[in-house]
């Protein structure tokens, strides 16, 4: 997934009201931390994509994520994300984004939630 994130000095990713990642390398470190889980799943509901102009778009979607450890435990998260993307010679890159999750934790689902 790291290839989708911009390697730009202005990159920032916000989570739950605070800037959590300030570079693609910060994102890489966080993604590598997920390797400790036996199973990592994310399901996006129907995304809304809005063209902002030539070579620029905004994407928003709700998601359901499960992080399952080797003992079958873990955490499940439900939330929303927004992404500002720009088209570059290397393809579409996420220039900045935001993720927020519901406050109440829930157990991870064994099967991904099906769209209704």
PDB file of N, CA and C in Angstrom:
ATOM      1  N   UNK A   1       0.801  -1.201   0.000  1.00  0.00           N
ATOM      2  CA  UNK A   1       0.000   0.000   0.000  1.00  0.00           C
ATOM      3  C   UNK A   1       0.844   1.265   0.000  1.00  0.00           C
ATOM      4  N   UNK A   2       2.063   1.179   0.430  1.00  0.00           N
ATOM      5  CA  UNK A   2       2.887   2.381   0.589  1.00  0.00           C
ATOM      6  C   UNK A   2       3.030   3.140  -0.726  1.00  0.00           C
ATOM      7  N   UNK A   3       2.933   2.445  -1.842  1.00  0.00           N
ATOM      8  CA  UNK A   3       3.107   3.107  -3.137  1.00  0.00           C
ATOM      9  C   UNK A   3       2.041   4.158  -3.413  1.00  0.00           C
ATOM     10  N   UNK A   4       0.909   4.096  -2.716  1.00  0.00           N
ATOM     11  CA  UNK A   4      -0.161   5.068  -2.931  1.00  0.00           C
ATOM     12  C   UNK A   4       0.079   6.394  -2.200  1.00  0.00           C
ATOM     13  N   UNK A   5       0.943   6.401  -1.215  1.00  0.00           N
ATOM     14  CA  UNK A   5       1.186   7.611  -0.411  1.00  0.00           C
ATOM     15  C   UNK A   5       2.233   8.492  -1.081  1.00  0.00           C
ATOM     16  N   UNK A   6       1.993   9.793  -1.093  1.00  0.00           N
ATOM     17  CA  UNK A   6       2.936  10.746  -1.686  1.00  0.00           C
ATOM     18  C   UNK A   6       4.196  10.840  -0.829  1.00  0.00           C
ATOM     19  N   UNK A   7       5.327  10.949  -1.494  1.00  0.00           N
ATOM     20  CA  UNK A   7       6.616  11.139  -0.796  1.00  0.00           C
ATOM     21  C   UNK A   7       6.950  12.625  -0.843  1.00  0.00           C
ATOM     22  N   UNK A   8       6.029  13.441  -0.408  1.00  0.00           N
ATOM     23  CA  UNK A   8       6.132  14.886  -0.498  1.00  0.00           C
ATOM     24  C   UNK A   8       6.345  15.465   0.897  1.00  0.00           C
ATOM     25  N   UNK A   9       7.097  16.544   0.994  1.00  0.00           N
ATOM     26  CA  UNK A   9       7.379  17.142   2.307  1.00  0.00           C
ATOM     27  C   UNK A   9       6.137  17.751   2.953  1.00  0.00           C
ATOM     28  N   UNK A  10       5.067  17.957   2.180  1.00  0.00           N
ATOM     29  CA  UNK A  10       3.841  18.526   2.751  1.00  0.00           C
ATOM     30  C   UNK A  10       2.847  17.458   3.191  1.00  0.00           C
ATOM     31  N   UNK A  11       3.201  16.174   3.042  1.00  0.00           N
ATOM     32  CA  UNK A  11       2.294  15.085   3.396  1.00  0.00           C
ATOM     33  C   UNK A  11       1.945  15.122   4.885  1.00  0.00           C
ATOM     34  N   UNK A  12       0.675  14.864   5.180  1.00  0.00           N
ATOM     35  CA  UNK A  12       0.228  14.702   6.568  1.00  0.00           C
ATOM     36  C   UNK A  12      -0.985  13.785   6.571  1.00  0.00           C
ATOM     37  N   UNK A  13      -1.043  12.899   7.571  1.00  0.00           N
ATOM     38  CA  UNK A  13      -2.217  12.041   7.755  1.00  0.00           C
ATOM     39  C   UNK A  13      -2.714  12.279   9.171  1.00  0.00           C
ATOM     40  N   UNK A  14      -3.997  12.567   9.267  1.00  0.00           N
ATOM     41  CA  UNK A  14      -4.619  12.914  10.544  1.00  0.00           C
ATOM     42  C   UNK A  14      -5.484  11.752  11.002  1.00  0.00           C
ATOM     43  N   UNK A  15      -5.383  11.416  12.284  1.00  0.00           N
ATOM     44  CA  UNK A  15      -6.240  10.383  12.878  1.00  0.00           C
ATOM     45  C   UNK A  15      -6.891  10.946  14.119  1.00  0.00           C
ATOM     46  N   UNK A  16      -8.201  10.851  14.168  1.00  0.00           N
ATOM     47  CA  UNK A  16      -8.964  11.236  15.350  1.00  0.00           C
ATOM     48  C   UNK A  16      -8.547  12.585  15.933  1.00  0.00           C
ATOM     49  N   UNK A  17      -8.392  13.567  15.074  1.00  0.00           N
ATOM     50  CA  UNK A  17      -8.161  14.924  15.541  1.00  0.00           C
ATOM     51  C   UNK A  17      -6.723  15.334  15.771  1.00  0.00           C
ATOM     52  N   UNK A  18      -5.769  14.496  15.407  1.00  0.00           N
ATOM     53  CA  UNK A  18      -4.374  14.898  15.558  1.00  0.00           C
ATOM     54  C   UNK A  18      -3.536  14.404  14.383  1.00  0.00           C
ATOM     55  N   UNK A  19      -2.510  15.174  14.038  1.00  0.00           N
ATOM     56  CA  UNK A  19      -1.617  14.746  12.969  1.00  0.00           C
ATOM     57  C   UNK A  19      -0.816  13.558  13.494  1.00  0.00           C
ATOM     58  N   UNK A  20      -1.010  12.405  12.867  1.00  0.00           N
ATOM     59  CA  UNK A  20      -0.371  11.182  13.338  1.00  0.00           C
ATOM     60  C   UNK A  20       0.876  10.848  12.529  1.00  0.00           C
ATOM     61  N   UNK A  21       0.846  11.120  11.217  1.00  0.00           N
ATOM     62  CA  UNK A  21       1.960  10.777  10.340  1.00  0.00           C
ATOM     63  C   UNK A  21       2.322  12.000   9.503  1.00  0.00           C
ATOM     64  N   UNK A  22       3.598  12.306   9.440  1.00  0.00           N
ATOM     65  CA  UNK A  22       4.051  13.488   8.703  1.00  0.00           C
ATOM     66  C   UNK A  22       4.865  13.142   7.454  1.00  0.00           C
ATOM     67  N   UNK A  23       5.010  11.843   7.185  1.00  0.00           N
ATOM     68  CA  UNK A  23       5.772  11.441   5.997  1.00  0.00           C
ATOM     69  C   UNK A  23       5.354  10.043   5.566  1.00  0.00           C
ATOM     70  N   UNK A  24       5.695   9.702   4.341  1.00  0.00           N
ATOM     71  CA  UNK A  24       5.443   8.349   3.854  1.00  0.00           C
ATOM     72  C   UNK A  24       6.234   7.339   4.678  1.00  0.00           C
ATOM     73  N   UNK A  25       7.408   7.720   5.160  1.00  0.00           N
ATOM     74  CA  UNK A  25       8.185   6.814   6.003  1.00  0.00           C
ATOM     75  C   UNK A  25       7.454   6.520   7.321  1.00  0.00           C
ATOM     76  N   UNK A  26       6.778   7.515   7.899  1.00  0.00           N
ATOM     77  CA  UNK A  26       5.971   7.279   9.110  1.00  0.00           C
ATOM     78  C   UNK A  26       4.871   6.255   8.822  1.00  0.00           C
ATOM     79  N   UNK A  27       4.243   6.382   7.656  1.00  0.00           N
ATOM     80  CA  UNK A  27       3.199   5.432   7.256  1.00  0.00           C
ATOM     81  C   UNK A  27       3.801   4.042   7.094  1.00  0.00           C
ATOM     82  N   UNK A  28       4.961   3.960   6.463  1.00  0.00           N
ATOM     83  CA  UNK A  28       5.640   2.669   6.261  1.00  0.00           C
ATOM     84  C   UNK A  28       5.882   1.981   7.609  1.00  0.00           C
ATOM     85  N   UNK A  29       6.368   2.720   8.591  1.00  0.00           N
ATOM     86  CA  UNK A  29       6.622   2.159   9.923  1.00  0.00           C
ATOM     87  C   UNK A  29       5.331   1.628  10.537  1.00  0.00           C
ATOM     88  N   UNK A  30       4.252   2.376  10.407  1.00  0.00           N
ATOM     89  CA  UNK A  30       2.967   1.939  10.963  1.00  0.00           C
ATOM     90  C   UNK A  30       2.470   0.678  10.259  1.00  0.00           C
ATOM     91  N   UNK A  31       2.590   0.633   8.948  1.00  0.00           N
ATOM     92  CA  UNK A  31       2.157  -0.552   8.209  1.00  0.00           C
ATOM     93  C   UNK A  31       2.995  -1.778   8.567  1.00  0.00           C
ATOM     94  N   UNK A  32       4.287  -1.586   8.779  1.00  0.00           N
ATOM     95  CA  UNK A  32       5.145  -2.704   9.178  1.00  0.00           C
ATOM     96  C   UNK A  32       4.740  -3.241  10.551  1.00  0.00           C
ATOM     97  N   UNK A  33       4.243  -2.368  11.420  1.00  0.00           N
ATOM     98  CA  UNK A  33       3.756  -2.801  12.724  1.00  0.00           C
ATOM     99  C   UNK A  33       2.568  -3.737  12.620  1.00  0.00           C
ATOM    100  N   UNK A  34       1.826  -3.650  11.534  1.00  0.00           N
ATOM    101  CA  UNK A  34       0.670  -4.528  11.334  1.00  0.00           C
ATOM    102  C   UNK A  34       1.093  -5.953  11.006  1.00  0.00           C
ATOM    103  N   UNK A  35       2.364  -6.159  10.645  1.00  0.00           N
ATOM    104  CA  UNK A  35       2.843  -7.504  10.342  1.00  0.00           C
ATOM    105  C   UNK A  35       2.788  -8.424  11.553  1.00  0.00           C
ATOM    106  N   UNK A  36       2.676  -7.850  12.758  1.00  0.00           N
ATOM    107  CA  UNK A  36       2.576  -8.649  13.971  1.00  0.00           C
ATOM    108  C   UNK A  36       1.229  -9.376  14.053  1.00  0.00           C
ATOM    109  N   UNK A  37       0.241  -8.925  13.307  1.00  0.00           N
ATOM    110  CA  UNK A  37      -1.067  -9.564  13.321  1.00  0.00           C
ATOM    111  C   UNK A  37      -1.110 -10.702  12.309  1.00  0.00           C
ATOM    112  N   UNK A  38      -1.847 -11.747  12.668  1.00  0.00           N
ATOM    113  CA  UNK A  38      -1.995 -12.900  11.790  1.00  0.00           C
ATOM    114  C   UNK A  38      -2.864 -12.561  10.586  1.00  0.00           C
ATOM    115  N   UNK A  39      -3.844 -11.717  10.804  1.00  0.00           N
ATOM    116  CA  UNK A  39      -4.794 -11.386   9.745  1.00  0.00           C
ATOM    117  C   UNK A  39      -5.170  -9.915   9.865  1.00  0.00           C
ATOM    118  N   UNK A  40      -5.058  -9.196   8.771  1.00  0.00           N
ATOM    119  CA  UNK A  40      -5.437  -7.785   8.715  1.00  0.00           C
ATOM    120  C   UNK A  40      -6.380  -7.635   7.527  1.00  0.00           C
ATOM    121  N   UNK A  41      -7.604  -7.179   7.815  1.00  0.00           N
ATOM    122  CA  UNK A  41      -8.582  -6.984   6.744  1.00  0.00           C
ATOM    123  C   UNK A  41      -9.198  -5.604   6.857  1.00  0.00           C
ATOM    124  N   UNK A  42      -9.457  -5.012   5.713  1.00  0.00           N
ATOM    125  CA  UNK A  42     -10.202  -3.761   5.686  1.00  0.00           C
ATOM    126  C   UNK A  42     -11.200  -3.844   4.537  1.00  0.00           C
ATOM    127  N   UNK A  43     -12.420  -3.484   4.839  1.00  0.00           N
ATOM    128  CA  UNK A  43     -13.481  -3.441   3.848  1.00  0.00           C
ATOM    129  C   UNK A  43     -13.965  -2.009   3.755  1.00  0.00           C
ATOM    130  N   UNK A  44     -13.939  -1.464   2.549  1.00  0.00           N
ATOM    131  CA  UNK A  44     -14.447  -0.115   2.317  1.00  0.00           C
ATOM    132  C   UNK A  44     -15.860  -0.201   1.770  1.00  0.00           C
ATOM    133  N   UNK A  45     -16.750   0.618   2.318  1.00  0.00           N
ATOM    134  CA  UNK A  45     -18.064   0.741   1.721  1.00  0.00           C
ATOM    135  C   UNK A  45     -17.922   1.559   0.442  1.00  0.00           C
ATOM    136  N   UNK A  46     -18.984   1.698  -0.282  1.00  0.00           N
ATOM    137  CA  UNK A  46     -18.959   2.416  -1.562  1.00  0.00           C
ATOM    138  C   UNK A  46     -18.266   3.769  -1.412  1.00  0.00           C
ATOM    139  N   UNK A  47     -17.098   3.951  -2.052  1.00  0.00           N
ATOM    140  CA  UNK A  47     -16.400   5.237  -1.913  1.00  0.00           C
ATOM    141  C   UNK A  47     -17.081   6.326  -2.741  1.00  0.00           C
ATOM    142  N   UNK A  48     -16.957   7.546  -2.273  1.00  0.00           N
ATOM    143  CA  UNK A  48     -17.403   8.716  -3.015  1.00  0.00           C
ATOM    144  C   UNK A  48     -16.147   9.393  -3.540  1.00  0.00           C
ATOM    145  N   UNK A  49     -16.031   9.520  -4.851  1.00  0.00           N
ATOM    146  CA  UNK A  49     -14.871  10.151  -5.471  1.00  0.00           C
ATOM    147  C   UNK A  49     -15.357  11.404  -6.190  1.00  0.00           C
ATOM    148  N   UNK A  50     -14.718  12.538  -5.862  1.00  0.00           N
ATOM    149  CA  UNK A  50     -15.099  13.817  -6.441  1.00  0.00           C
ATOM    150  C   UNK A  50     -13.881  14.409  -7.142  1.00  0.00           C
ATOM    151  N   UNK A  51     -14.027  14.702  -8.425  1.00  0.00           N
ATOM    152  CA  UNK A  51     -12.955  15.374  -9.159  1.00  0.00           C
ATOM    153  C   UNK A  51     -12.895  16.826  -8.683  1.00  0.00           C
ATOM    154  N   UNK A  52     -11.701  17.261  -8.315  1.00  0.00           N
ATOM    155  CA  UNK A  52     -11.516  18.627  -7.833  1.00  0.00           C
ATOM    156  C   UNK A  52     -10.942  19.545  -8.908  1.00  0.00           C
ATOM    157  N   UNK A  53     -10.485  18.974  -9.975  1.00  0.00           N
ATOM    158  CA  UNK A  53      -9.872  19.705 -11.072  1.00  0.00           C
ATOM    159  C   UNK A  53      -8.951  18.762 -11.801  1.00  0.00           C
ATOM    160  N   UNK A  54      -8.266  19.238 -12.826  1.00  0.00           N
ATOM    161  CA  UNK A  54      -7.342  18.357 -13.541  1.00  0.00           C
ATOM    162  C   UNK A  54      -6.273  17.785 -12.604  1.00  0.00           C
ATOM    163  N   UNK A  55      -6.210  16.463 -12.538  1.00  0.00           N
ATOM    164  CA  UNK A  55      -5.179  15.810 -11.742  1.00  0.00           C
ATOM    165  C   UNK A  55      -5.378  15.865 -10.242  1.00  0.00           C
ATOM    166  N   UNK A  56      -6.604  16.182  -9.776  1.00  0.00           N
ATOM    167  CA  UNK A  56      -6.859  16.245  -8.331  1.00  0.00           C
ATOM    168  C   UNK A  56      -8.233  15.656  -8.031  1.00  0.00           C
ATOM    169  N   UNK A  57      -8.318  14.877  -6.945  1.00  0.00           N
ATOM    170  CA  UNK A  57      -9.578  14.251  -6.565  1.00  0.00           C
ATOM    171  C   UNK A  57      -9.637  14.084  -5.054  1.00  0.00           C
ATOM    172  N   UNK A  58     -10.848  14.007  -4.550  1.00  0.00           N
ATOM    173  CA  UNK A  58     -11.082  13.700  -3.136  1.00  0.00           C
ATOM    174  C   UNK A  58     -11.844  12.387  -3.074  1.00  0.00           C
ATOM    175  N   UNK A  59     -11.474  11.545  -2.127  1.00  0.00           N
ATOM    176  CA  UNK A  59     -12.120  10.258  -1.931  1.00  0.00           C
ATOM    177  C   UNK A  59     -12.578  10.190  -0.484  1.00  0.00           C
ATOM    178  N   UNK A  60     -13.779   9.704  -0.256  1.00  0.00           N
ATOM    179  CA  UNK A  60     -14.236   9.463   1.113  1.00  0.00           C
ATOM    180  C   UNK A  60     -14.973   8.130   1.150  1.00  0.00           C
ATOM    181  N   UNK A  61     -14.837   7.439   2.263  1.00  0.00           N
ATOM    182  CA  UNK A  61     -15.488   6.133   2.421  1.00  0.00           C
ATOM    183  C   UNK A  61     -15.538   5.774   3.900  1.00  0.00           C
ATOM    184  N   UNK A  62     -16.506   4.957   4.253  1.00  0.00           N
ATOM    185  CA  UNK A  62     -16.509   4.351   5.573  1.00  0.00           C
ATOM    186  C   UNK A  62     -15.826   2.994   5.450  1.00  0.00           C
ATOM    187  N   UNK A  63     -15.316   2.485   6.571  1.00  0.00           N
ATOM    188  CA  UNK A  63     -14.578   1.225   6.528  1.00  0.00           C
ATOM    189  C   UNK A  63     -14.850   0.387   7.753  1.00  0.00           C
ATOM    190  N   UNK A  64     -14.546  -0.886   7.625  1.00  0.00           N
ATOM    191  CA  UNK A  64     -14.614  -1.873   8.697  1.00  0.00           C
ATOM    192  C   UNK A  64     -13.278  -2.601   8.657  1.00  0.00           C
ATOM    193  N   UNK A  65     -12.517  -2.554   9.743  1.00  0.00           N
ATOM    194  CA  UNK A  65     -11.170  -3.137   9.770  1.00  0.00           C
ATOM    195  C   UNK A  65     -11.067  -4.144  10.907  1.00  0.00           C
ATOM    196  N   UNK A  66     -10.413  -5.260  10.632  1.00  0.00           N
ATOM    197  CA  UNK A  66     -10.164  -6.288  11.643  1.00  0.00           C
ATOM    198  C   UNK A  66      -8.673  -6.571  11.706  1.00  0.00           C
ATOM    199  N   UNK A  67      -8.139  -6.559  12.916  1.00  0.00           N
ATOM    200  CA  UNK A  67      -6.745  -6.916  13.179  1.00  0.00           C
ATOM    201  C   UNK A  67      -6.787  -8.105  14.131  1.00  0.00           C
ATOM    202  N   UNK A  68      -6.432  -9.297  13.630  1.00  0.00           N
ATOM    203  CA  UNK A  68      -6.559 -10.532  14.399  1.00  0.00           C
ATOM    204  C   UNK A  68      -5.172 -11.064  14.728  1.00  0.00           C
ATOM    205  N   UNK A  69      -4.926 -11.342  16.019  1.00  0.00           N
ATOM    206  CA  UNK A  69      -3.622 -11.871  16.413  1.00  0.00           C
ATOM    207  C   UNK A  69      -3.608 -13.394  16.316  1.00  0.00           C
ATOM    208  N   UNK A  70      -2.479 -14.001  16.607  1.00  0.00           N
ATOM    209  CA  UNK A  70      -2.322 -15.450  16.436  1.00  0.00           C
ATOM    210  C   UNK A  70      -3.207 -16.256  17.385  1.00  0.00           C
ATOM    211  N   UNK A  71      -3.664 -15.665  18.485  1.00  0.00           N
ATOM    212  CA  UNK A  71      -4.543 -16.360  19.421  1.00  0.00           C
ATOM    213  C   UNK A  71      -6.014 -16.204  19.036  1.00  0.00           C
ATOM    214  N   UNK A  72      -6.296 -15.489  17.954  1.00  0.00           N
ATOM    215  CA  UNK A  72      -7.673 -15.290  17.523  1.00  0.00           C
ATOM    216  C   UNK A  72      -8.315 -14.053  18.118  1.00  0.00           C
ATOM    217  N   UNK A  73      -7.590 -13.329  18.963  1.00  0.00           N
ATOM    218  CA  UNK A  73      -8.098 -12.079  19.519  1.00  0.00           C
ATOM    219  C   UNK A  73      -7.718 -10.929  18.616  1.00  0.00           C
ATOM    220  N   UNK A  74      -7.819  -9.756  19.119  1.00  0.00           N
ATOM    221  CA  UNK A  74      -7.428  -8.586  18.345  1.00  0.00           C
ATOM    222  C   UNK A  74      -8.394  -7.450  18.549  1.00  0.00           C
ATOM    223  N   UNK A  75      -8.540  -6.656  17.520  1.00  0.00           N
ATOM    224  CA  UNK A  75      -9.419  -5.496  17.610  1.00  0.00           C
ATOM    225  C   UNK A  75     -10.100  -5.278  16.262  1.00  0.00           C
ATOM    226  N   UNK A  76     -11.305  -4.790  16.321  1.00  0.00           N
ATOM    227  CA  UNK A  76     -12.033  -4.400  15.125  1.00  0.00           C
ATOM    228  C   UNK A  76     -12.355  -2.921  15.222  1.00  0.00           C
ATOM    229  N   UNK A  77     -12.264  -2.240  14.112  1.00  0.00           N
ATOM    230  CA  UNK A  77     -12.525  -0.806  14.070  1.00  0.00           C
ATOM    231  C   UNK A  77     -13.500  -0.490  12.948  1.00  0.00           C
ATOM    232  N   UNK A  78     -14.372   0.456  13.198  1.00  0.00           N
ATOM    233  CA  UNK A  78     -15.289   0.959  12.182  1.00  0.00           C
ATOM    234  C   UNK A  78     -15.105   2.460  12.149  1.00  0.00           C
ATOM    235  N   UNK A  79     -14.967   3.033  10.959  1.00  0.00           N
ATOM    236  CA  UNK A  79     -14.756   4.470  10.894  1.00  0.00           C
ATOM    237  C   UNK A  79     -14.946   5.014   9.493  1.00  0.00           C
ATOM    238  N   UNK A  80     -14.336   6.174   9.281  1.00  0.00           N
ATOM    239  CA  UNK A  80     -14.425   6.851   7.987  1.00  0.00           C
ATOM    240  C   UNK A  80     -13.068   7.433   7.639  1.00  0.00           C
ATOM    241  N   UNK A  81     -12.848   7.607   6.335  1.00  0.00           N
ATOM    242  CA  UNK A  81     -11.602   8.228   5.887  1.00  0.00           C
ATOM    243  C   UNK A  81     -11.886   9.167   4.730  1.00  0.00           C
ATOM    244  N   UNK A  82     -11.036  10.149   4.621  1.00  0.00           N
ATOM    245  CA  UNK A  82     -11.044  11.048   3.470  1.00  0.00           C
ATOM    246  C   UNK A  82      -9.613  11.137   2.969  1.00  0.00           C
ATOM    247  N   UNK A  83      -9.470  11.246   1.660  1.00  0.00           N
ATOM    248  CA  UNK A  83      -8.142  11.295   1.042  1.00  0.00           C
ATOM    249  C   UNK A  83      -8.162  12.359  -0.052  1.00  0.00           C
ATOM    250  N   UNK A  84      -7.134  13.195  -0.084  1.00  0.00           N
ATOM    251  CA  UNK A  84      -6.918  14.108  -1.198  1.00  0.00           C
ATOM    252  C   UNK A  84      -5.828  13.484  -2.052  1.00  0.00           C
ATOM    253  N   UNK A  85      -6.140  13.251  -3.311  1.00  0.00           N
ATOM    254  CA  UNK A  85      -5.200  12.571  -4.212  1.00  0.00           C
ATOM    255  C   UNK A  85      -4.819  13.490  -5.369  1.00  0.00           C
ATOM    256  N   UNK A  86      -3.589  13.304  -5.835  1.00  0.00           N
ATOM    257  CA  UNK A  86      -3.132  14.063  -6.998  1.00  0.00           C
ATOM    258  C   UNK A  86      -2.503  13.104  -7.986  1.00  0.00           C
ATOM    259  N   UNK A  87      -2.694  13.406  -9.265  1.00  0.00           N
ATOM    260  CA  UNK A  87      -2.107  12.574 -10.299  1.00  0.00           C
ATOM    261  C   UNK A  87      -0.688  13.050 -10.566  1.00  0.00           C
ATOM    262  N   UNK A  88       0.256  12.132 -10.535  1.00  0.00           N
ATOM    263  CA  UNK A  88       1.663  12.431 -10.754  1.00  0.00           C
ATOM    264  C   UNK A  88       2.165  11.568 -11.911  1.00  0.00           C
ATOM    265  N   UNK A  89       3.372  11.812 -12.403  1.00  0.00           N
ATOM    266  CA  UNK A  89       3.928  10.921 -13.440  1.00  0.00           C
ATOM    267  C   UNK A  89       4.009   9.464 -12.986  1.00  0.00           C
ATOM    268  N   UNK A  90       4.057   9.227 -11.669  1.00  0.00           N
ATOM    269  CA  UNK A  90       4.112   7.863 -11.135  1.00  0.00           C
ATOM    270  C   UNK A  90       2.723   7.312 -10.804  1.00  0.00           C
ATOM    271  N   UNK A  91       1.652   8.012 -11.200  1.00  0.00           N
ATOM    272  CA  UNK A  91       0.291   7.567 -10.916  1.00  0.00           C
ATOM    273  C   UNK A  91      -0.357   8.411  -9.836  1.00  0.00           C
ATOM    274  N   UNK A  92      -1.533   7.973  -9.387  1.00  0.00           N
ATOM    275  CA  UNK A  92      -2.255   8.704  -8.346  1.00  0.00           C
ATOM    276  C   UNK A  92      -1.579   8.496  -6.992  1.00  0.00           C
ATOM    277  N   UNK A  93      -1.385   9.586  -6.267  1.00  0.00           N
ATOM    278  CA  UNK A  93      -0.756   9.539  -4.938  1.00  0.00           C
ATOM    279  C   UNK A  93      -1.655  10.251  -3.935  1.00  0.00           C
ATOM    280  N   UNK A  94      -1.690   9.725  -2.724  1.00  0.00           N
ATOM    281  CA  UNK A  94      -2.461  10.332  -1.651  1.00  0.00           C
ATOM    282  C   UNK A  94      -1.625  11.436  -1.025  1.00  0.00           C
ATOM    283  N   UNK A  95      -2.046  12.677  -1.203  1.00  0.00           N
ATOM    284  CA  UNK A  95      -1.282  13.831  -0.734  1.00  0.00           C
ATOM    285  C   UNK A  95      -1.512  14.106   0.751  1.00  0.00           C
ATOM    286  N   UNK A  96      -2.700  13.824   1.216  1.00  0.00           N
ATOM    287  CA  UNK A  96      -3.049  13.994   2.629  1.00  0.00           C
ATOM    288  C   UNK A  96      -4.313  13.191   2.890  1.00  0.00           C
ATOM    289  N   UNK A  97      -4.578  12.917   4.133  1.00  0.00           N
ATOM    290  CA  UNK A  97      -5.776  12.149   4.444  1.00  0.00           C
ATOM    291  C   UNK A  97      -6.152  12.248   5.899  1.00  0.00           C
ATOM    292  N   UNK A  98      -7.297  11.672   6.194  1.00  0.00           N
ATOM    293  CA  UNK A  98      -7.846  11.705   7.544  1.00  0.00           C
ATOM    294  C   UNK A  98      -8.589  10.401   7.804  1.00  0.00           C
ATOM    295  N   UNK A  99      -8.405   9.852   8.980  1.00  0.00           N
ATOM    296  CA  UNK A  99      -9.129   8.669   9.416  1.00  0.00           C
ATOM    297  C   UNK A  99      -9.712   8.951  10.792  1.00  0.00           C
ATOM    298  N   UNK A 100     -10.956   8.579  10.992  1.00  0.00           N
ATOM    299  CA  UNK A 100     -11.544   8.652  12.331  1.00  0.00           C
ATOM    300  C   UNK A 100     -12.273   7.343  12.577  1.00  0.00           C
ATOM    301  N   UNK A 101     -12.283   6.917  13.837  1.00  0.00           N
ATOM    302  CA  UNK A 101     -12.946   5.664  14.192  1.00  0.00           C
ATOM    303  C   UNK A 101     -13.971   5.928  15.281  1.00  0.00           C
ATOM    304  N   UNK A 102     -14.958   5.039  15.320  1.00  0.00           N
ATOM    305  CA  UNK A 102     -15.941   5.098  16.402  1.00  0.00           C
ATOM    306  C   UNK A 102     -15.221   4.873  17.721  1.00  0.00           C
ATOM    307  N   UNK A 103     -15.727   5.433  18.745  1.00  0.00           N
ATOM    308  CA  UNK A 103     -15.076   5.349  20.060  1.00  0.00           C
ATOM    309  C   UNK A 103     -15.198   3.983  20.722  1.00  0.00           C
ATOM    310  N   UNK A 104     -16.318   3.289  20.525  1.00  0.00           N
ATOM    311  CA  UNK A 104     -16.497   2.019  21.221  1.00  0.00           C
ATOM    312  C   UNK A 104     -15.821   0.891  20.454  1.00  0.00           C
ATOM    313  N   UNK A 105     -14.885   0.165  21.080  1.00  0.00           N
ATOM    314  CA  UNK A 105     -14.250  -0.971  20.396  1.00  0.00           C
ATOM    315  C   UNK A 105     -15.235  -2.125  20.273  1.00  0.00           C
ATOM    316  N   UNK A 106     -15.000  -2.987  19.343  1.00  0.00           N
ATOM    317  CA  UNK A 106     -15.804  -4.195  19.169  1.00  0.00           C
ATOM    318  C   UNK A 106     -14.877  -5.329  18.774  1.00  0.00           C
ATOM    319  N   UNK A 107     -15.276  -6.565  18.983  1.00  0.00           N
ATOM    320  CA  UNK A 107     -14.415  -7.683  18.588  1.00  0.00           C
ATOM    321  C   UNK A 107     -14.286  -7.746  17.066  1.00  0.00           C
ATOM    322  N   UNK A 108     -13.170  -8.278  16.557  1.00  0.00           N
ATOM    323  CA  UNK A 108     -13.011  -8.387  15.099  1.00  0.00           C
ATOM    324  C   UNK A 108     -14.013  -9.373  14.526  1.00  0.00           C
ATOM    325  N   UNK A 109     -14.455  -9.126  13.326  1.00  0.00           N
ATOM    326  CA  UNK A 109     -15.353 -10.037  12.632  1.00  0.00           C
ATOM    327  C   UNK A 109     -14.535 -11.108  11.936  1.00  0.00           C
ATOM    328  N   UNK A 110     -15.046 -12.304  11.906  1.00  0.00           N
ATOM    329  CA  UNK A 110     -14.361 -13.403  11.221  1.00  0.00           C
ATOM    330  C   UNK A 110     -14.496 -13.267   9.706  1.00  0.00           C
ATOM    331  N   UNK A 111     -15.623 -12.781   9.231  1.00  0.00           N
ATOM    332  CA  UNK A 111     -15.866 -12.589   7.807  1.00  0.00           C
ATOM    333  C   UNK A 111     -16.090 -11.117   7.558  1.00  0.00           C
ATOM    334  N   UNK A 112     -15.604 -10.590   6.440  1.00  0.00           N
ATOM    335  CA  UNK A 112     -15.832  -9.169   6.136  1.00  0.00           C
ATOM    336  C   UNK A 112     -17.324  -8.867   6.039  1.00  0.00           C
ATOM    337  N   UNK A 113     -17.678  -7.668   6.457  1.00  0.00           N
ATOM    338  CA  UNK A 113     -19.061  -7.210   6.365  1.00  0.00           C
ATOM    339  C   UNK A 113     -19.438  -7.069   4.896  1.00  0.00           C
ATOM    340  N   UNK A 114     -20.610  -7.495   4.541  1.00  0.00           N
ATOM    341  CA  UNK A 114     -21.085  -7.411   3.164  1.00  0.00           C
ATOM    342  C   UNK A 114     -21.860  -6.114   2.978  1.00  0.00           C
ATOM    343  N   UNK A 115     -21.628  -5.415   1.856  1.00  0.00           N
ATOM    344  CA  UNK A 115     -22.393  -4.178   1.602  1.00  0.00           C
ATOM    345  C   UNK A 115     -23.875  -4.490   1.528  1.00  0.00           C
ATOM    346  N   UNK A 116     -24.681  -3.555   2.006  1.00  0.00           N
ATOM    347  CA  UNK A 116     -26.145  -3.748   1.952  1.00  0.00           C
ATOM    348  C   UNK A 116     -26.749  -2.921   0.862  1.00  0.00           C
TER     349      UNK A 116
END
